[in-house]
Amino acid sequence: MARIYYDNDADLNILKGKTIAVIGFGNQGSAQAQNMKDSGLDVIIGSIKDRSWDDAEEKGFDVMPIEEATEKADIVHILIPDEIQADVYKEKIEKNLRKSNALMFSHGFNIRFKCIKPPDFVDVIMVAPKGPGILVRKTFLDGFGTPALIAVEQDYTKKAKETVLALAKALGATRAGVLETTFTEETETDLFGEQVDLCGGVTELIKASFDTLVENGYQPELAYFETLHELKLITDLIQAGGLEYMWTCVSNTAEYGGRTRGKRIITPKVRENMKEILSDIQTDKFAREWINEYKSGLPNLSRMRKEDKELMIEKVGAKLRKMFVKK
C-alpha cells in the first residue's frame, strides 16, 4: 500500500533561499506557480513571448526566457506539454543546469521513456497533482489542497525526498495528502487510465451506445441524454462515495440491469485488449508511436479530430447543451 504524507511530514524551510523556475505558464504552470509564491517561495517563470508571458507578468511574476530562468534557478520545474519537453530541455535547459540543482516534473513521461536524460549531478523529482490546474488553485485558495503523487528518480543531494515533500506542501497538496510512487509507476498508470478508461474507453463507449440507439430508430436527442448527459451524474456519485455508493443512489431496476449486463460489455476479450494496451505502454511502443506522430506533424490526430467533429452525437449535443444555459 502507498504511504501518504501530510503537512507535518514536510518542512518549507528546506526551500529557503532557493529559486524555483516554473517553465511554462499554462493550466498547471499558472496554478502551481501561484500556489508556491503564496506559500512564500521565490518563483520565477521561464516562457516564450506569447499570451502566457503576459499572463504571468499580470499576476506579478518575474518572467524571462527559459534559458535565463534556468540559469537563475535552483529548482527547474518543467510544465510544458510532454511532446515538446525533450526539445526545449535539449536546447534551452540542459546546458544551464548546475551541480545540486533539481529537475522537477508533474508527469514522468519524458524521464520514463528516456526522452530527457538528466546529468547525474542533479536531483530528479516529481509532484503530480491529481487534478487540473484550476482545481489545484481553487482548493489552495479555499484553504485545502489537491492530493498529489510524489516521486524521486535521482537523489544526487541525498535530500531529494525532503525537497519534493516541501514543494508538495508549497502547492497545498500535503493538506489533502500525497502518495509516494515512482516515475515509472506514475507514467504507466496515467497513460493506461487515459487510454483504457478516462478518455479512450469512455468516449468509445458513449459513441457506440449512442449509435446503437440511433441505428435502431430512437431519437438522437433521447439517445444523447441517456448515453452521454447522464454519465456525469453517475460519475459524480462514484467519485463521492465509490461504486457501491452509486448503486444505492440509482433505482433497483438500474442496479439489477447494470450489475447483470455490465460484464457483457466488458468481456474477457475486452480485458485482454486492456492488457495489450498496458503492454504497449510498458514496452515503450505507445511512446514511440506518439513521438513519431508528433514529429510527423500530427497527421493521424488531426484527421481524427476532424472526423469526430462531424459525428451526429457532437452536433446533437451542441444543440441540447444550450437547454442548460439560462437565457
C-alpha atoms as a PDB file:
ATOM      1  CA  MET A   1       0.000   0.000   0.000  1.00  0.00           C
ATOM      2  CA  ALA A   2       1.162   3.519  -0.770  1.00  0.00           C
ATOM      3  CA  ARG A   3       2.426   5.685   2.070  1.00  0.00           C
ATOM      4  CA  ILE A   4       0.604   9.003   2.443  1.00  0.00           C
ATOM      5  CA  TYR A   5       2.340  12.168   3.662  1.00  0.00           C
ATOM      6  CA  TYR A   6       0.718  15.259   5.184  1.00  0.00           C
ATOM      7  CA  ASP A   7       1.706  18.773   6.259  1.00  0.00           C
ATOM      8  CA  ASN A   8       3.576  17.609   9.342  1.00  0.00           C
ATOM      9  CA  ASP A   9       5.837  15.448   7.169  1.00  0.00           C
ATOM     10  CA  ALA A  10       7.146  18.396   5.139  1.00  0.00           C
ATOM     11  CA  ASP A  11       9.268  21.441   6.002  1.00  0.00           C
ATOM     12  CA  LEU A  12       9.168  24.551   3.822  1.00  0.00           C
ATOM     13  CA  ASN A  13      12.367  25.837   5.425  1.00  0.00           C
ATOM     14  CA  ILE A  14      14.295  23.405   3.216  1.00  0.00           C
ATOM     15  CA  LEU A  15      13.429  25.678   0.286  1.00  0.00           C
ATOM     16  CA  LYS A  16      14.563  28.893   1.976  1.00  0.00           C
ATOM     17  CA  GLY A  17      16.969  30.811  -0.261  1.00  0.00           C
ATOM     18  CA  LYS A  18      16.188  28.645  -3.294  1.00  0.00           C
ATOM     19  CA  THR A  19      14.766  29.932  -6.566  1.00  0.00           C
ATOM     20  CA  ILE A  20      12.182  27.842  -8.414  1.00  0.00           C
ATOM     21  CA  ALA A  21      11.848  28.377 -12.159  1.00  0.00           C
ATOM     22  CA  VAL A  22       8.498  27.230 -13.487  1.00  0.00           C
ATOM     23  CA  ILE A  23       8.901  26.515 -17.196  1.00  0.00           C
ATOM     24  CA  GLY A  24       5.572  27.227 -18.847  1.00  0.00           C
ATOM     25  CA  PHE A  25       2.595  29.168 -17.528  1.00  0.00           C
ATOM     26  CA  GLY A  26      -0.368  27.202 -18.813  1.00  0.00           C
ATOM     27  CA  ASN A  27      -3.015  25.308 -16.868  1.00  0.00           C
ATOM     28  CA  GLN A  28      -0.683  23.642 -14.357  1.00  0.00           C
ATOM     29  CA  GLY A  29       2.146  26.167 -14.568  1.00  0.00           C
ATOM     30  CA  SER A  30      -0.054  29.081 -13.613  1.00  0.00           C
ATOM     31  CA  ALA A  31      -1.714  27.287 -10.711  1.00  0.00           C
ATOM     32  CA  GLN A  32       1.410  25.714  -9.280  1.00  0.00           C
ATOM     33  CA  ALA A  33       3.490  28.885  -9.597  1.00  0.00           C
ATOM     34  CA  GLN A  34       0.848  30.969  -7.827  1.00  0.00           C
ATOM     35  CA  ASN A  35       0.457  28.441  -5.016  1.00  0.00           C
ATOM     36  CA  MET A  36       4.207  28.261  -4.438  1.00  0.00           C
ATOM     37  CA  LYS A  37       4.516  32.027  -4.495  1.00  0.00           C
ATOM     38  CA  ASP A  38       1.671  32.378  -1.994  1.00  0.00           C
ATOM     39  CA  SER A  39       3.486  29.851   0.204  1.00  0.00           C
ATOM     40  CA  GLY A  40       6.433  32.235   0.377  1.00  0.00           C
ATOM     41  CA  LEU A  41       8.753  30.667  -2.193  1.00  0.00           C
ATOM     42  CA  ASP A  42      10.908  32.569  -4.674  1.00  0.00           C
ATOM     43  CA  VAL A  43       9.301  31.698  -8.014  1.00  0.00           C
ATOM     44  CA  ILE A  44      10.270  32.945 -11.459  1.00  0.00           C
ATOM     45  CA  ILE A  45       8.751  32.000 -14.807  1.00  0.00           C
ATOM     46  CA  GLY A  46      10.562  30.770 -17.894  1.00  0.00           C
ATOM     47  CA  SER A  47       8.472  31.260 -21.014  1.00  0.00           C
ATOM     48  CA  ILE A  48       8.341  32.247 -24.653  1.00  0.00           C
ATOM     49  CA  LYS A  49       6.881  35.565 -25.741  1.00  0.00           C
ATOM     50  CA  ASP A  50       3.214  34.704 -26.002  1.00  0.00           C
ATOM     51  CA  ARG A  51      -0.020  35.249 -24.103  1.00  0.00           C
ATOM     52  CA  SER A  52       1.193  33.161 -21.166  1.00  0.00           C
ATOM     53  CA  TRP A  53       4.176  35.524 -20.736  1.00  0.00           C
ATOM     54  CA  ASP A  54       1.781  38.456 -20.417  1.00  0.00           C
ATOM     55  CA  ASP A  55      -0.470  36.485 -18.076  1.00  0.00           C
ATOM     56  CA  ALA A  56       2.435  35.670 -15.773  1.00  0.00           C
ATOM     57  CA  GLU A  57       3.536  39.313 -15.677  1.00  0.00           C
ATOM     58  CA  GLU A  58      -0.009  40.423 -14.876  1.00  0.00           C
ATOM     59  CA  LYS A  59      -0.005  38.012 -11.935  1.00  0.00           C
ATOM     60  CA  GLY A  60       3.141  39.633 -10.555  1.00  0.00           C
ATOM     61  CA  PHE A  61       5.863  37.188 -11.606  1.00  0.00           C
ATOM     62  CA  ASP A  62       9.315  37.918 -12.962  1.00  0.00           C
ATOM     63  CA  VAL A  63       9.155  36.416 -16.439  1.00  0.00           C
ATOM     64  CA  MET A  64      12.162  35.739 -18.630  1.00  0.00           C
ATOM     65  CA  PRO A  65      13.342  33.464 -21.449  1.00  0.00           C
ATOM     66  CA  ILE A  66      13.645  29.813 -20.499  1.00  0.00           C
ATOM     67  CA  GLU A  67      17.454  29.813 -20.711  1.00  0.00           C
ATOM     68  CA  GLU A  68      17.740  32.755 -18.341  1.00  0.00           C
ATOM     69  CA  ALA A  69      15.252  31.306 -15.859  1.00  0.00           C
ATOM     70  CA  THR A  70      17.164  28.015 -15.803  1.00  0.00           C
ATOM     71  CA  GLU A  71      20.454  29.798 -15.150  1.00  0.00           C
ATOM     72  CA  LYS A  72      18.974  31.591 -12.131  1.00  0.00           C
ATOM     73  CA  ALA A  73      17.138  28.609 -10.661  1.00  0.00           C
ATOM     74  CA  ASP A  74      17.986  26.024  -8.062  1.00  0.00           C
ATOM     75  CA  ILE A  75      14.885  24.010  -8.994  1.00  0.00           C
ATOM     76  CA  VAL A  76      13.680  23.818 -12.603  1.00  0.00           C
ATOM     77  CA  HIS A  77      10.056  22.721 -12.817  1.00  0.00           C
ATOM     78  CA  ILE A  78       9.109  21.717 -16.375  1.00  0.00           C
ATOM     79  CA  LEU A  79       5.395  22.248 -17.000  1.00  0.00           C
ATOM     80  CA  ILE A  80       5.146  22.424 -20.767  1.00  0.00           C
ATOM     81  CA  PRO A  81       3.414  19.738 -22.904  1.00  0.00           C
ATOM     82  CA  ASP A  82       5.014  16.270 -22.950  1.00  0.00           C
ATOM     83  CA  GLU A  83       5.652  16.336 -26.676  1.00  0.00           C
ATOM     84  CA  ILE A  84       7.834  19.480 -26.622  1.00  0.00           C
ATOM     85  CA  GLN A  85       9.666  18.922 -23.338  1.00  0.00           C
ATOM     86  CA  ALA A  86      12.603  16.985 -24.788  1.00  0.00           C
ATOM     87  CA  ASP A  87      13.430  19.573 -27.463  1.00  0.00           C
ATOM     88  CA  VAL A  88      13.088  22.500 -25.068  1.00  0.00           C
ATOM     89  CA  TYR A  89      15.202  20.694 -22.487  1.00  0.00           C
ATOM     90  CA  LYS A  90      17.957  19.942 -25.003  1.00  0.00           C
ATOM     91  CA  GLU A  91      18.004  23.429 -26.496  1.00  0.00           C
ATOM     92  CA  LYS A  92      17.347  25.691 -23.514  1.00  0.00           C
ATOM     93  CA  ILE A  93      17.707  23.895 -20.179  1.00  0.00           C
ATOM     94  CA  GLU A  94      20.327  21.145 -20.172  1.00  0.00           C
ATOM     95  CA  LYS A  95      23.384  23.360 -20.658  1.00  0.00           C
ATOM     96  CA  ASN A  96      22.290  25.679 -17.814  1.00  0.00           C
ATOM     97  CA  LEU A  97      21.867  23.047 -15.102  1.00  0.00           C
ATOM     98  CA  ARG A  98      24.308  23.304 -12.218  1.00  0.00           C
ATOM     99  CA  LYS A  99      25.556  20.816  -9.667  1.00  0.00           C
ATOM    100  CA  SER A 100      22.905  20.029  -7.000  1.00  0.00           C
ATOM    101  CA  ASN A 101      20.060  21.627  -8.965  1.00  0.00           C
ATOM    102  CA  ALA A 102      16.744  19.792  -9.000  1.00  0.00           C
ATOM    103  CA  LEU A 103      14.873  18.949 -12.178  1.00  0.00           C
ATOM    104  CA  MET A 104      11.167  18.680 -11.415  1.00  0.00           C
ATOM    105  CA  PHE A 105       8.171  17.351 -13.341  1.00  0.00           C
ATOM    106  CA  SER A 106       4.439  16.798 -12.854  1.00  0.00           C
ATOM    107  CA  HIS A 107       4.325  13.806 -15.188  1.00  0.00           C
ATOM    108  CA  GLY A 108       7.030  11.209 -15.744  1.00  0.00           C
ATOM    109  CA  PHE A 109       6.664  10.630 -19.493  1.00  0.00           C
ATOM    110  CA  ASN A 110       9.958  12.122 -20.677  1.00  0.00           C
ATOM    111  CA  ILE A 111      12.003  10.545 -17.898  1.00  0.00           C
ATOM    112  CA  ARG A 112      10.318   7.140 -18.083  1.00  0.00           C
ATOM    113  CA  PHE A 113      10.811   6.885 -21.848  1.00  0.00           C
ATOM    114  CA  LYS A 114      14.297   8.450 -21.767  1.00  0.00           C
ATOM    115  CA  CYS A 115      13.388  11.377 -23.993  1.00  0.00           C
ATOM    116  CA  ILE A 116      15.137  13.519 -21.370  1.00  0.00           C
ATOM    117  CA  LYS A 117      18.353  12.148 -19.865  1.00  0.00           C
ATOM    118  CA  PRO A 118      19.377  14.369 -16.938  1.00  0.00           C
ATOM    119  CA  PRO A 119      23.013  14.659 -15.875  1.00  0.00           C
ATOM    120  CA  ASP A 120      23.993  12.649 -12.813  1.00  0.00           C
ATOM    121  CA  PHE A 121      24.721  15.766 -10.736  1.00  0.00           C
ATOM    122  CA  VAL A 122      21.102  16.876 -10.258  1.00  0.00           C
ATOM    123  CA  ASP A 123      18.098  15.594  -8.340  1.00  0.00           C
ATOM    124  CA  VAL A 124      15.172  14.413 -10.470  1.00  0.00           C
ATOM    125  CA  ILE A 125      11.827  14.708  -8.696  1.00  0.00           C
ATOM    126  CA  MET A 126       8.107  14.849  -9.348  1.00  0.00           C
ATOM    127  CA  VAL A 127       4.991  16.326  -7.783  1.00  0.00           C
ATOM    128  CA  ALA A 128       1.917  15.327  -9.780  1.00  0.00           C
ATOM    129  CA  PRO A 129      -1.346  16.909  -8.577  1.00  0.00           C
ATOM    130  CA  LYS A 130      -4.344  14.654  -9.233  1.00  0.00           C
ATOM    131  CA  GLY A 131      -6.482  17.358 -10.740  1.00  0.00           C
ATOM    132  CA  PRO A 132      -6.443  20.135 -13.360  1.00  0.00           C
ATOM    133  CA  GLY A 133      -4.700  23.417 -12.654  1.00  0.00           C
ATOM    134  CA  ILE A 134      -7.939  25.238 -11.953  1.00  0.00           C
ATOM    135  CA  LEU A 135      -8.676  22.774  -9.144  1.00  0.00           C
ATOM    136  CA  VAL A 136      -5.111  22.948  -7.793  1.00  0.00           C
ATOM    137  CA  ARG A 137      -5.513  26.707  -7.469  1.00  0.00           C
ATOM    138  CA  LYS A 138      -9.101  26.752  -6.190  1.00  0.00           C
ATOM    139  CA  THR A 139      -8.572  24.197  -3.428  1.00  0.00           C
ATOM    140  CA  PHE A 140      -5.441  26.038  -2.304  1.00  0.00           C
ATOM    141  CA  LEU A 141      -7.329  29.339  -2.060  1.00  0.00           C
ATOM    142  CA  ASP A 142     -10.091  27.537  -0.185  1.00  0.00           C
ATOM    143  CA  GLY A 143      -7.540  26.580   2.475  1.00  0.00           C
ATOM    144  CA  PHE A 144      -7.265  22.961   1.428  1.00  0.00           C
ATOM    145  CA  GLY A 145      -5.416  21.328  -1.470  1.00  0.00           C
ATOM    146  CA  THR A 146      -5.453  18.778  -4.259  1.00  0.00           C
ATOM    147  CA  PRO A 147      -3.994  15.322  -3.499  1.00  0.00           C
ATOM    148  CA  ALA A 148      -0.787  14.582  -5.391  1.00  0.00           C
ATOM    149  CA  LEU A 149       1.805  11.946  -6.153  1.00  0.00           C
ATOM    150  CA  ILE A 150       5.487  12.419  -5.339  1.00  0.00           C
ATOM    151  CA  ALA A 151       8.484  10.551  -6.689  1.00  0.00           C
ATOM    152  CA  VAL A 152      12.268  10.683  -6.633  1.00  0.00           C
ATOM    153  CA  GLU A 153      14.035   9.314  -9.696  1.00  0.00           C
ATOM    154  CA  GLN A 154      17.547  10.553  -8.897  1.00  0.00           C
ATOM    155  CA  ASP A 155      18.834  11.664  -5.498  1.00  0.00           C
ATOM    156  CA  TYR A 156      22.191  13.351  -6.037  1.00  0.00           C
ATOM    157  CA  THR A 157      21.971  15.642  -2.994  1.00  0.00           C
ATOM    158  CA  LYS A 158      20.610  12.940  -0.671  1.00  0.00           C
ATOM    159  CA  LYS A 159      17.901  15.465   0.179  1.00  0.00           C
ATOM    160  CA  ALA A 160      15.606  14.954  -2.809  1.00  0.00           C
ATOM    161  CA  LYS A 161      12.741  13.482  -0.813  1.00  0.00           C
ATOM    162  CA  GLU A 162      12.801  16.340   1.685  1.00  0.00           C
ATOM    163  CA  THR A 163      12.800  18.769  -1.234  1.00  0.00           C
ATOM    164  CA  VAL A 164       9.901  17.140  -3.059  1.00  0.00           C
ATOM    165  CA  LEU A 165       7.809  16.952   0.121  1.00  0.00           C
ATOM    166  CA  ALA A 166       8.436  20.651   0.768  1.00  0.00           C
ATOM    167  CA  LEU A 167       7.391  21.506  -2.783  1.00  0.00           C
ATOM    168  CA  ALA A 168       4.248  19.413  -2.398  1.00  0.00           C
ATOM    169  CA  LYS A 169       3.493  21.359   0.767  1.00  0.00           C
ATOM    170  CA  ALA A 170       4.004  24.646  -1.041  1.00  0.00           C
ATOM    171  CA  LEU A 171       1.435  23.537  -3.611  1.00  0.00           C
ATOM    172  CA  GLY A 172      -1.052  22.752  -0.841  1.00  0.00           C
ATOM    173  CA  ALA A 173      -1.010  19.055  -1.687  1.00  0.00           C
ATOM    174  CA  THR A 174       0.075  17.834   1.754  1.00  0.00           C
ATOM    175  CA  ARG A 175      -3.052  19.418   3.234  1.00  0.00           C
ATOM    176  CA  ALA A 176      -5.001  16.708   1.408  1.00  0.00           C
ATOM    177  CA  GLY A 177      -2.273  14.073   1.318  1.00  0.00           C
ATOM    178  CA  VAL A 178       0.434  12.964  -1.101  1.00  0.00           C
ATOM    179  CA  LEU A 179       1.197   9.382  -2.131  1.00  0.00           C
ATOM    180  CA  GLU A 180       4.718   8.165  -2.805  1.00  0.00           C
ATOM    181  CA  THR A 181       5.293   6.433  -6.133  1.00  0.00           C
ATOM    182  CA  THR A 182       7.938   6.154  -8.868  1.00  0.00           C
ATOM    183  CA  PHE A 183       8.278   7.869 -12.237  1.00  0.00           C
ATOM    184  CA  THR A 184       7.628   4.531 -13.934  1.00  0.00           C
ATOM    185  CA  GLU A 185       4.500   3.705 -11.947  1.00  0.00           C
ATOM    186  CA  GLU A 186       3.031   7.199 -12.309  1.00  0.00           C
ATOM    187  CA  THR A 187       3.655   7.313 -16.050  1.00  0.00           C
ATOM    188  CA  GLU A 188       2.404   3.845 -16.905  1.00  0.00           C
ATOM    189  CA  THR A 189      -0.748   4.031 -14.764  1.00  0.00           C
ATOM    190  CA  ASP A 190      -1.522   7.546 -16.010  1.00  0.00           C
ATOM    191  CA  LEU A 191      -1.278   6.559 -19.666  1.00  0.00           C
ATOM    192  CA  PHE A 192      -3.260   3.373 -19.063  1.00  0.00           C
ATOM    193  CA  GLY A 193      -6.082   5.253 -17.318  1.00  0.00           C
ATOM    194  CA  GLU A 194      -6.268   7.826 -20.097  1.00  0.00           C
ATOM    195  CA  GLN A 195      -6.358   5.277 -22.887  1.00  0.00           C
ATOM    196  CA  VAL A 196      -8.472   2.474 -21.437  1.00  0.00           C
ATOM    197  CA  ASP A 197     -10.930   4.270 -19.188  1.00  0.00           C
ATOM    198  CA  LEU A 198     -10.969   8.017 -18.660  1.00  0.00           C
ATOM    199  CA  CYS A 199     -10.532   9.289 -22.209  1.00  0.00           C
ATOM    200  CA  GLY A 200     -10.300   6.493 -24.768  1.00  0.00           C
ATOM    201  CA  GLY A 201     -12.592   3.866 -23.309  1.00  0.00           C
ATOM    202  CA  VAL A 202     -15.359   6.134 -22.108  1.00  0.00           C
ATOM    203  CA  THR A 203     -15.629   8.149 -25.346  1.00  0.00           C
ATOM    204  CA  GLU A 204     -15.804   5.000 -27.465  1.00  0.00           C
ATOM    205  CA  LEU A 205     -18.417   3.523 -25.103  1.00  0.00           C
ATOM    206  CA  ILE A 206     -20.510   6.688 -25.397  1.00  0.00           C
ATOM    207  CA  LYS A 207     -20.244   6.762 -29.185  1.00  0.00           C
ATOM    208  CA  ALA A 208     -21.065   3.060 -29.531  1.00  0.00           C
ATOM    209  CA  SER A 209     -24.104   3.192 -27.225  1.00  0.00           C
ATOM    210  CA  PHE A 210     -25.414   6.375 -28.891  1.00  0.00           C
ATOM    211  CA  ASP A 211     -25.002   4.850 -32.357  1.00  0.00           C
ATOM    212  CA  THR A 212     -26.751   1.636 -31.277  1.00  0.00           C
ATOM    213  CA  LEU A 213     -29.866   3.529 -30.173  1.00  0.00           C
ATOM    214  CA  VAL A 214     -29.984   5.820 -33.226  1.00  0.00           C
ATOM    215  CA  GLU A 215     -29.399   2.965 -35.668  1.00  0.00           C
ATOM    216  CA  ASN A 216     -32.352   1.165 -34.087  1.00  0.00           C
ATOM    217  CA  GLY A 217     -34.748   4.052 -34.668  1.00  0.00           C
ATOM    218  CA  TYR A 218     -34.568   6.049 -31.418  1.00  0.00           C
ATOM    219  CA  GLN A 219     -34.450   9.831 -31.489  1.00  0.00           C
ATOM    220  CA  PRO A 220     -30.860  11.169 -31.385  1.00  0.00           C
ATOM    221  CA  GLU A 221     -31.813  13.696 -28.709  1.00  0.00           C
ATOM    222  CA  LEU A 222     -33.026  10.976 -26.334  1.00  0.00           C
ATOM    223  CA  ALA A 223     -30.013   8.841 -27.161  1.00  0.00           C
ATOM    224  CA  TYR A 224     -27.739  11.757 -26.218  1.00  0.00           C
ATOM    225  CA  PHE A 225     -29.391  12.224 -22.833  1.00  0.00           C
ATOM    226  CA  GLU A 226     -29.306   8.525 -21.995  1.00  0.00           C
ATOM    227  CA  THR A 227     -25.752   7.734 -23.123  1.00  0.00           C
ATOM    228  CA  LEU A 228     -23.795  10.955 -22.570  1.00  0.00           C
ATOM    229  CA  HIS A 229     -25.557  13.609 -20.499  1.00  0.00           C
ATOM    230  CA  GLU A 230     -26.436  11.391 -17.565  1.00  0.00           C
ATOM    231  CA  LEU A 231     -22.931   9.928 -17.377  1.00  0.00           C
ATOM    232  CA  LYS A 232     -21.761  12.898 -15.314  1.00  0.00           C
ATOM    233  CA  LEU A 233     -24.492  12.259 -12.767  1.00  0.00           C
ATOM    234  CA  ILE A 234     -23.221   8.710 -12.319  1.00  0.00           C
ATOM    235  CA  THR A 235     -19.509   9.587 -12.201  1.00  0.00           C
ATOM    236  CA  ASP A 236     -20.235  12.286  -9.608  1.00  0.00           C
ATOM    237  CA  LEU A 237     -21.857   9.647  -7.398  1.00  0.00           C
ATOM    238  CA  ILE A 238     -18.945   7.253  -7.892  1.00  0.00           C
ATOM    239  CA  GLN A 239     -16.430   9.954  -7.056  1.00  0.00           C
ATOM    240  CA  ALA A 240     -18.366  10.991  -3.976  1.00  0.00           C
ATOM    241  CA  GLY A 241     -18.739   7.552  -2.427  1.00  0.00           C
ATOM    242  CA  GLY A 242     -17.387   4.762  -4.603  1.00  0.00           C
ATOM    243  CA  LEU A 243     -19.011   2.160  -6.828  1.00  0.00           C
ATOM    244  CA  GLU A 244     -21.239   0.620  -4.179  1.00  0.00           C
ATOM    245  CA  TYR A 245     -22.467   4.050  -3.064  1.00  0.00           C
ATOM    246  CA  MET A 246     -23.517   4.764  -6.637  1.00  0.00           C
ATOM    247  CA  TRP A 247     -25.635   1.592  -6.710  1.00  0.00           C
ATOM    248  CA  THR A 248     -27.513   2.775  -3.611  1.00  0.00           C
ATOM    249  CA  CYS A 249     -28.389   6.037  -5.378  1.00  0.00           C
ATOM    250  CA  VAL A 250     -29.965   4.594  -8.522  1.00  0.00           C
ATOM    251  CA  SER A 251     -33.164   2.601  -8.891  1.00  0.00           C
ATOM    252  CA  ASN A 252     -33.307  -1.122  -8.195  1.00  0.00           C
ATOM    253  CA  THR A 253     -34.044  -1.615 -11.867  1.00  0.00           C
ATOM    254  CA  ALA A 254     -30.911   0.315 -12.876  1.00  0.00           C
ATOM    255  CA  GLU A 255     -28.846  -1.584 -10.329  1.00  0.00           C
ATOM    256  CA  TYR A 256     -30.033  -5.016 -11.433  1.00  0.00           C
ATOM    257  CA  GLY A 257     -29.690  -4.181 -15.128  1.00  0.00           C
ATOM    258  CA  GLY A 258     -26.252  -2.689 -14.652  1.00  0.00           C
ATOM    259  CA  ARG A 259     -24.886  -5.455 -12.459  1.00  0.00           C
ATOM    260  CA  THR A 260     -26.156  -8.238 -14.744  1.00  0.00           C
ATOM    261  CA  ARG A 261     -25.375  -6.660 -18.132  1.00  0.00           C
ATOM    262  CA  GLY A 262     -22.129  -4.762 -17.480  1.00  0.00           C
ATOM    263  CA  LYS A 263     -19.981  -7.865 -17.869  1.00  0.00           C
ATOM    264  CA  ARG A 264     -21.496  -8.471 -21.302  1.00  0.00           C
ATOM    265  CA  ILE A 265     -19.911  -5.175 -22.346  1.00  0.00           C
ATOM    266  CA  ILE A 266     -16.587  -5.576 -20.538  1.00  0.00           C
ATOM    267  CA  THR A 267     -16.000  -9.151 -21.679  1.00  0.00           C
ATOM    268  CA  PRO A 268     -12.883 -11.283 -21.142  1.00  0.00           C
ATOM    269  CA  LYS A 269     -11.808 -10.208 -24.643  1.00  0.00           C
ATOM    270  CA  VAL A 270     -12.060  -6.547 -23.651  1.00  0.00           C
ATOM    271  CA  ARG A 271      -9.935  -7.257 -20.590  1.00  0.00           C
ATOM    272  CA  GLU A 272      -7.369  -8.924 -22.849  1.00  0.00           C
ATOM    273  CA  ASN A 273      -7.352  -5.797 -25.007  1.00  0.00           C
ATOM    274  CA  MET A 274      -6.648  -3.765 -21.870  1.00  0.00           C
ATOM    275  CA  LYS A 275      -3.654  -5.968 -21.095  1.00  0.00           C
ATOM    276  CA  GLU A 276      -2.361  -5.468 -24.634  1.00  0.00           C
ATOM    277  CA  ILE A 277      -2.657  -1.700 -24.254  1.00  0.00           C
ATOM    278  CA  LEU A 278      -0.793  -1.866 -20.952  1.00  0.00           C
ATOM    279  CA  SER A 279       1.913  -3.916 -22.665  1.00  0.00           C
ATOM    280  CA  ASP A 280       2.215  -1.262 -25.395  1.00  0.00           C
ATOM    281  CA  ILE A 281       2.856   1.297 -22.649  1.00  0.00           C
ATOM    282  CA  GLN A 282       5.299  -0.853 -20.672  1.00  0.00           C
ATOM    283  CA  THR A 283       7.367  -1.791 -23.746  1.00  0.00           C
ATOM    284  CA  ASP A 284       7.602   1.837 -24.967  1.00  0.00           C
ATOM    285  CA  LYS A 285       5.568   1.006 -28.109  1.00  0.00           C
ATOM    286  CA  PHE A 286       2.982   3.694 -27.405  1.00  0.00           C
ATOM    287  CA  ALA A 287       5.627   6.295 -26.516  1.00  0.00           C
ATOM    288  CA  ARG A 288       7.500   5.686 -29.779  1.00  0.00           C
ATOM    289  CA  GLU A 289       4.238   5.872 -31.716  1.00  0.00           C
ATOM    290  CA  TRP A 290       3.226   9.165 -30.084  1.00  0.00           C
ATOM    291  CA  ILE A 291       6.657  10.744 -30.519  1.00  0.00           C
ATOM    292  CA  ASN A 292       6.682   9.767 -34.211  1.00  0.00           C
ATOM    293  CA  GLU A 293       3.158  11.127 -34.614  1.00  0.00           C
ATOM    294  CA  TYR A 294       4.197  14.481 -33.154  1.00  0.00           C
ATOM    295  CA  LYS A 295       7.396  14.709 -35.192  1.00  0.00           C
ATOM    296  CA  SER A 296       5.405  13.906 -38.350  1.00  0.00           C
ATOM    297  CA  GLY A 297       3.107  16.884 -37.800  1.00  0.00           C
ATOM    298  CA  LEU A 298       0.189  15.054 -36.111  1.00  0.00           C
ATOM    299  CA  PRO A 299      -1.412  13.666 -39.301  1.00  0.00           C
ATOM    300  CA  ASN A 300      -3.475  10.970 -37.594  1.00  0.00           C
ATOM    301  CA  LEU A 301      -4.502  13.093 -34.618  1.00  0.00           C
ATOM    302  CA  SER A 302      -5.547  15.931 -36.935  1.00  0.00           C
ATOM    303  CA  ARG A 303      -7.606  13.520 -39.050  1.00  0.00           C
ATOM    304  CA  MET A 304      -9.350  12.024 -36.006  1.00  0.00           C
ATOM    305  CA  ARG A 305     -10.137  15.466 -34.607  1.00  0.00           C
ATOM    306  CA  LYS A 306     -11.700  16.489 -37.914  1.00  0.00           C
ATOM    307  CA  GLU A 307     -13.705  13.286 -38.297  1.00  0.00           C
ATOM    308  CA  ASP A 308     -15.103  13.321 -34.777  1.00  0.00           C
ATOM    309  CA  LYS A 309     -16.297  16.920 -35.057  1.00  0.00           C
ATOM    310  CA  GLU A 310     -18.703  15.675 -37.733  1.00  0.00           C
ATOM    311  CA  LEU A 311     -20.272  12.932 -35.599  1.00  0.00           C
ATOM    312  CA  MET A 312     -24.016  13.161 -35.021  1.00  0.00           C
ATOM    313  CA  ILE A 313     -23.561  12.998 -31.260  1.00  0.00           C
ATOM    314  CA  GLU A 314     -21.431  16.158 -31.384  1.00  0.00           C
ATOM    315  CA  LYS A 315     -23.989  18.067 -33.435  1.00  0.00           C
ATOM    316  CA  VAL A 316     -26.942  16.915 -31.345  1.00  0.00           C
ATOM    317  CA  GLY A 317     -25.059  17.667 -28.145  1.00  0.00           C
ATOM    318  CA  ALA A 318     -24.196  21.206 -29.208  1.00  0.00           C
ATOM    319  CA  LYS A 319     -27.912  21.907 -29.595  1.00  0.00           C
ATOM    320  CA  LEU A 320     -29.069  20.217 -26.408  1.00  0.00           C
ATOM    321  CA  ARG A 321     -26.416  21.758 -24.153  1.00  0.00           C
ATOM    322  CA  LYS A 322     -27.973  25.149 -24.826  1.00  0.00           C
ATOM    323  CA  MET A 323     -31.034  23.959 -22.900  1.00  0.00           C
ATOM    324  CA  PHE A 324     -28.956  24.041 -19.716  1.00  0.00           C
ATOM    325  CA  VAL A 325     -27.873  27.656 -20.106  1.00  0.00           C
ATOM    326  CA  LYS A 326     -30.145  30.242 -18.549  1.00  0.00           C
ATOM    327  CA  LYS A 327     -31.224  32.759 -21.145  1.00  0.00           C
END
